[in-house]
Structure formats: C-alpha cells, structure tokens
C-alpha atoms as a PDB file:
ATOM      1  CA  MET A   1     -15.533 -50.268  35.911  1.00  0.00           C
ATOM      2  CA  ASN A   2     -18.161 -51.614  33.210  1.00  0.00           C
ATOM      3  CA  THR A   3     -17.827 -51.559  29.473  1.00  0.00           C
ATOM      4  CA  ILE A   4     -20.066 -48.365  29.110  1.00  0.00           C
ATOM      5  CA  THR A   5     -18.207 -46.417  31.292  1.00  0.00           C
ATOM      6  CA  ILE A   6     -14.903 -47.094  29.909  1.00  0.00           C
ATOM      7  CA  PHE A   7     -16.385 -46.485  26.348  1.00  0.00           C
ATOM      8  CA  GLN A   8     -17.645 -43.194  27.667  1.00  0.00           C
ATOM      9  CA  ILE A   9     -13.957 -42.238  28.961  1.00  0.00           C
ATOM     10  CA  ILE A  10     -12.434 -43.210  25.913  1.00  0.00           C
ATOM     11  CA  SER A  11     -15.396 -41.346  23.611  1.00  0.00           C
ATOM     12  CA  THR A  12     -14.896 -38.107  25.721  1.00  0.00           C
ATOM     13  CA  ILE A  13     -10.951 -38.278  25.422  1.00  0.00           C
ATOM     14  CA  VAL A  14     -11.304 -38.956  21.577  1.00  0.00           C
ATOM     15  CA  VAL A  15     -13.912 -35.936  21.446  1.00  0.00           C
ATOM     16  CA  SER A  16     -11.436 -34.138  23.467  1.00  0.00           C
ATOM     17  CA  VAL A  17      -8.414 -34.637  21.175  1.00  0.00           C
ATOM     18  CA  SER A  18     -10.244 -34.138  18.146  1.00  0.00           C
ATOM     19  CA  ALA A  19     -11.539 -30.557  19.167  1.00  0.00           C
ATOM     20  CA  ILE A  20      -8.219 -29.289  20.426  1.00  0.00           C
ATOM     21  CA  ILE A  21      -6.776 -30.984  17.011  1.00  0.00           C
ATOM     22  CA  ALA A  22      -9.391 -29.106  14.807  1.00  0.00           C
ATOM     23  CA  LEU A  23      -8.805 -25.811  16.942  1.00  0.00           C
ATOM     24  CA  VAL A  24      -5.031 -25.649  16.260  1.00  0.00           C
ATOM     25  CA  SER A  25      -5.680 -26.159  12.725  1.00  0.00           C
ATOM     26  CA  TYR A  26      -8.058 -23.442  12.677  1.00  0.00           C
ATOM     27  CA  LEU A  27      -5.671 -20.947  14.348  1.00  0.00           C
ATOM     28  CA  LYS A  28      -2.957 -22.248  11.878  1.00  0.00           C
ATOM     29  CA  GLN A  29      -5.151 -21.372   9.079  1.00  0.00           C
ATOM     30  CA  GLN A  30      -6.485 -18.007  10.392  1.00  0.00           C
ATOM     31  CA  LYS A  31      -2.596 -17.168  10.925  1.00  0.00           C
ATOM     32  CA  PHE A  32      -2.074 -18.158   7.081  1.00  0.00           C
ATOM     33  CA  LYS A  33      -5.013 -16.204   6.232  1.00  0.00           C
ATOM     34  CA  ARG A  34      -3.777 -12.753   7.832  1.00  0.00           C
ATOM     35  CA  VAL A  35      -0.098 -13.489   6.532  1.00  0.00           C
ATOM     36  CA  GLN A  36      -1.709 -13.921   2.988  1.00  0.00           C
ATOM     37  CA  ASN A  37      -3.794 -10.602   3.352  1.00  0.00           C
ATOM     38  CA  LEU A  38      -1.088  -8.807   4.660  1.00  0.00           C
ATOM     39  CA  SER A  39       1.136 -10.152   1.528  1.00  0.00           C
ATOM     40  CA  LEU A  40      -1.535  -8.806  -0.441  1.00  0.00           C
ATOM     41  CA  LEU A  41      -1.233  -5.450   0.600  1.00  0.00           C
ATOM     42  CA  TRP A  42       2.455  -5.289   0.542  1.00  0.00           C
ATOM     43  CA  GLU A  43       2.046  -6.651  -2.830  1.00  0.00           C
ATOM     44  CA  LYS A  44      -0.177  -3.631  -4.195  1.00  0.00           C
ATOM     45  CA  PHE A  45       2.619  -1.409  -3.192  1.00  0.00           C
ATOM     46  CA  PHE A  46       5.216  -2.835  -5.529  1.00  0.00           C
ATOM     47  CA  LYS A  47       3.218  -4.006  -8.185  1.00  0.00           C
ATOM     48  CA  GLU A  48       1.293  -0.749  -8.857  1.00  0.00           C
ATOM     49  CA  GLU A  49       3.569   1.721 -10.190  1.00  0.00           C
ATOM     50  CA  LYS A  50       1.797   5.151  -9.073  1.00  0.00           C
ATOM     51  CA  LEU A  51       1.541   3.784  -5.525  1.00  0.00           C
ATOM     52  CA  ARG A  52       5.681   2.899  -5.792  1.00  0.00           C
ATOM     53  CA  VAL A  53       6.284   6.088  -7.537  1.00  0.00           C
ATOM     54  CA  LEU A  54       4.551   8.301  -4.746  1.00  0.00           C
ATOM     55  CA  PHE A  55       6.182   6.564  -2.105  1.00  0.00           C
ATOM     56  CA  SER A  56       9.255   6.862  -3.647  1.00  0.00           C
ATOM     57  CA  LEU A  57       8.968  10.683  -3.861  1.00  0.00           C
ATOM     58  CA  LEU A  58       7.613  11.144  -0.401  1.00  0.00           C
ATOM     59  CA  ASP A  59      10.623   9.031   0.855  1.00  0.00           C
ATOM     60  CA  GLU A  60      13.034  11.434  -1.124  1.00  0.00           C
ATOM     61  CA  ILE A  61      11.132  14.752   0.181  1.00  0.00           C
ATOM     62  CA  GLU A  62      11.826  13.287   3.605  1.00  0.00           C
ATOM     63  CA  LEU A  63      15.635  12.689   3.013  1.00  0.00           C
ATOM     64  CA  GLU A  64      15.693  15.919   1.402  1.00  0.00           C
ATOM     65  CA  LYS A  65      16.701  14.415  -2.193  1.00  0.00           C
ATOM     66  CA  ALA A  66      13.753  16.046  -3.769  1.00  0.00           C
ATOM     67  CA  SER A  67      11.515  19.351  -3.248  1.00  0.00           C
ATOM     68  CA  PRO A  68       8.594  19.321  -1.363  1.00  0.00           C
ATOM     69  CA  ASN A  69       6.864  21.044  -4.324  1.00  0.00           C
ATOM     70  CA  ASP A  70       7.571  18.046  -6.696  1.00  0.00           C
ATOM     71  CA  ILE A  71       4.638  16.549  -4.926  1.00  0.00           C
ATOM     72  CA  LYS A  72       2.108  18.655  -7.069  1.00  0.00           C
ATOM     73  CA  SER A  73       3.359  16.562  -9.858  1.00  0.00           C
ATOM     74  CA  ILE A  74       1.258  13.680  -8.630  1.00  0.00           C
ATOM     75  CA  PRO A  75      -2.577  13.367  -9.575  1.00  0.00           C
ATOM     76  CA  ASN A  76      -4.980  13.648  -6.626  1.00  0.00           C
ATOM     77  CA  ALA A  77      -6.373  10.511  -7.750  1.00  0.00           C
ATOM     78  CA  ASP A  78      -3.071   8.511  -7.352  1.00  0.00           C
ATOM     79  CA  LYS A  79      -3.038  10.201  -3.847  1.00  0.00           C
ATOM     80  CA  LEU A  80      -6.581   9.010  -2.857  1.00  0.00           C
ATOM     81  CA  TYR A  81      -5.359   5.418  -4.243  1.00  0.00           C
ATOM     82  CA  TYR A  82      -2.586   5.816  -1.982  1.00  0.00           C
ATOM     83  CA  LEU A  83      -4.955   6.898   0.735  1.00  0.00           C
ATOM     84  CA  ALA A  84      -7.520   3.761   0.017  1.00  0.00           C
ATOM     85  CA  VAL A  85      -4.800   1.011  -0.011  1.00  0.00           C
ATOM     86  CA  LEU A  86      -3.415   2.404   3.466  1.00  0.00           C
ATOM     87  CA  ASP A  87      -7.312   2.433   4.788  1.00  0.00           C
ATOM     88  CA  ASP A  88      -7.239  -1.312   3.869  1.00  0.00           C
ATOM     89  CA  VAL A  89      -4.134  -1.600   5.819  1.00  0.00           C
ATOM     90  CA  ALA A  90      -5.746   0.138   9.209  1.00  0.00           C
ATOM     91  CA  ASN A  91      -9.094  -1.461   8.581  1.00  0.00           C
ATOM     92  CA  PHE A  92      -7.740  -5.330   8.101  1.00  0.00           C
ATOM     93  CA  SER A  93      -5.638  -4.367  11.132  1.00  0.00           C
ATOM     94  CA  LYS A  94      -8.358  -3.300  13.417  1.00  0.00           C
ATOM     95  CA  ASN A  95     -10.838  -6.502  11.873  1.00  0.00           C
ATOM     96  CA  GLY A  96      -8.257  -8.543  12.732  1.00  0.00           C
ATOM     97  CA  GLU A  97      -7.812  -9.615   8.958  1.00  0.00           C
ATOM     98  CA  ILE A  98      -3.997  -8.679   9.520  1.00  0.00           C
ATOM     99  CA  ASP A  99      -1.502  -9.008  12.483  1.00  0.00           C
ATOM    100  CA  GLU A 100      -1.251  -5.619  13.770  1.00  0.00           C
ATOM    101  CA  LYS A 101       2.206  -5.633  14.807  1.00  0.00           C
ATOM    102  CA  TYR A 102       3.294  -6.873  11.180  1.00  0.00           C
ATOM    103  CA  ALA A 103       1.242  -4.323   9.841  1.00  0.00           C
ATOM    104  CA  ILE A 104       3.152  -1.597  11.579  1.00  0.00           C
ATOM    105  CA  ASP A 105       6.600  -2.941  10.658  1.00  0.00           C
ATOM    106  CA  LYS A 106       5.808  -3.175   7.112  1.00  0.00           C
ATOM    107  CA  PHE A 107       3.684  -0.267   6.161  1.00  0.00           C
ATOM    108  CA  GLN A 108       4.857   2.400   9.231  1.00  0.00           C
ATOM    109  CA  TRP A 109       6.714   4.806   6.756  1.00  0.00           C
ATOM    110  CA  PHE A 110       3.863   4.946   4.193  1.00  0.00           C
ATOM    111  CA  PHE A 111       1.392   6.314   6.962  1.00  0.00           C
ATOM    112  CA  TYR A 112       4.327   8.408   8.538  1.00  0.00           C
ATOM    113  CA  TYR A 113       5.081  10.397   5.268  1.00  0.00           C
ATOM    114  CA  ALA A 114       1.317  10.936   4.696  1.00  0.00           C
ATOM    115  CA  PHE A 115       0.010  11.649   8.280  1.00  0.00           C
ATOM    116  CA  ILE A 116       3.071  12.361  10.302  1.00  0.00           C
ATOM    117  CA  SER A 117       5.896  13.913   8.868  1.00  0.00           C
ATOM    118  CA  GLU A 118       6.746  17.538   9.123  1.00  0.00           C
ATOM    119  CA  LYS A 119       8.571  17.625   5.973  1.00  0.00           C
ATOM    120  CA  THR A 120       6.012  15.401   3.638  1.00  0.00           C
ATOM    121  CA  ALA A 121       2.041  15.548   5.262  1.00  0.00           C
ATOM    122  CA  ALA A 122       1.315  18.868   4.262  1.00  0.00           C
ATOM    123  CA  LYS A 123       2.422  19.127   0.925  1.00  0.00           C
ATOM    124  CA  PHE A 124       0.810  15.550   0.727  1.00  0.00           C
ATOM    125  CA  TRP A 125      -2.622  16.892   1.553  1.00  0.00           C
ATOM    126  CA  GLU A 126      -1.938  20.327  -0.091  1.00  0.00           C
ATOM    127  CA  SER A 127      -4.214  19.684  -2.902  1.00  0.00           C
ATOM    128  CA  LEU A 128      -6.633  17.489  -1.159  1.00  0.00           C
ATOM    129  CA  GLY A 129      -8.119  20.119   1.152  1.00  0.00           C
ATOM    130  CA  GLY A 130      -4.880  20.739   3.267  1.00  0.00           C
ATOM    131  CA  ILE A 131      -3.775  18.825   6.041  1.00  0.00           C
ATOM    132  CA  GLU A 132      -6.641  19.871   8.522  1.00  0.00           C
ATOM    133  CA  GLU A 133      -8.500  17.104   6.183  1.00  0.00           C
ATOM    134  CA  THR A 134      -7.085  14.513   8.069  1.00  0.00           C
ATOM    135  CA  LYS A 135      -8.995  15.677  11.314  1.00  0.00           C
ATOM    136  CA  GLN A 136     -12.316  14.359   9.373  1.00  0.00           C
ATOM    137  CA  HIS A 137     -14.190  11.555  11.175  1.00  0.00           C
ATOM    138  CA  TYR A 138     -13.771   9.588   7.998  1.00  0.00           C
ATOM    139  CA  TRP A 139     -10.026   9.413   8.098  1.00  0.00           C
ATOM    140  CA  GLN A 140     -10.038   8.613  12.096  1.00  0.00           C
ATOM    141  CA  ASN A 141      -9.373   4.825  11.654  1.00  0.00           C
ATOM    142  CA  ILE A 142      -6.394   5.536   9.266  1.00  0.00           C
ATOM    143  CA  ARG A 143      -5.174   8.554  11.344  1.00  0.00           C
ATOM    144  CA  LEU A 144      -5.450   6.510  14.750  1.00  0.00           C
ATOM    145  CA  PHE A 145      -3.145   3.678  12.982  1.00  0.00           C
ATOM    146  CA  ALA A 146      -0.765   6.304  11.441  1.00  0.00           C
ATOM    147  CA  GLU A 147      -0.214   7.443  15.033  1.00  0.00           C
ATOM    148  CA  LYS A 148       0.933   3.651  16.125  1.00  0.00           C
ATOM    149  CA  CYS A 149       3.140   3.997  13.328  1.00  0.00           C
ATOM    150  CA  LYS A 150       4.324   6.970  14.779  1.00  0.00           C
ATOM    151  CA  LYS A 151       5.363   5.443  17.988  1.00  0.00           C
ATOM    152  CA  SER A 152       6.689   2.598  16.551  1.00  0.00           C
ATOM    153  CA  ILE A 153       9.360   4.507  14.591  1.00  0.00           C
ATOM    154  CA  ASN A 154       9.848   6.768  17.797  1.00  0.00           C
ATOM    155  CA  GLY A 155      10.655   3.769  19.787  1.00  0.00           C
END
C-alpha cells in the first residue's frame, strides 16, 4: 500500500467516527430538548393557580368529592386557557417536540377529564358550547390525543 491510500483510509475512518459522534451528540441534545419541553408544559399546570384549581376540581368531581355543578364557578377564560395548554401538549407531541409516551403518562388525566370522562367532560364543556363542540375540526388534534390517553388509562 502506498502512503496516499493509507492516508485516505485513515481520513475516511476519522470522518466516519466524527460523523457518528456528531450524530450521537445531536440525538442526545434533541432528547434533552424534548424532556425540557415536556417539563415546561408540566410546570404550567402546577405554577399557574387557575390551571391547578381547575384540574383539582375536575379530579374531585371524578372522585365524587365535589358536585359536577361546581364547574360553573370556573370562568370560561380559565377553561380555554386549560384547553390551550392541552393543545400545546397535543401539538408538541404530534410534531415530535416532546415524546408522546411521556406526554401521555404525564397528562392523560388532564385530557381524560376534559374530553372523555362521563362525569366531567359534559359539565366542563357546558358553558363552551356543549360537548358537541369537541367534534369541531379545530379540536381534532387535541381530541385524538385525548383518545390515546383514554387507551392508556383503559389499558
């Protein structure tokens, strides 16, 4: 073998190893970013009182510790904000900005109470146009994610 061939082989190996290292680094960085995005969404539900209060009330209604009519005390603006955050979760999941499996694990009950539960969903939507409103095309993505959450809950 001549010197040029050995140099080409070594150069090719160095470039290949560098590409693999760069790819591994990129994938780790993307995974970290997805976890970070998920954490930021999760944080919203516990830092913002109106989201925390609404979820707690839905949970109490589901467990029959509160009356379904208590949902009337929650302003529509708070319900819409709750839905906006859920929409972020569904969209981030759909676009690969968060891992769907982890999003479902963390947020399944948030979606379930607002879209699936027979005890809470109808009352939640009562002042927002009724449960039929969820069948509108603009709720499709969030509704599909809620169905995935339902499957996870039901096993």
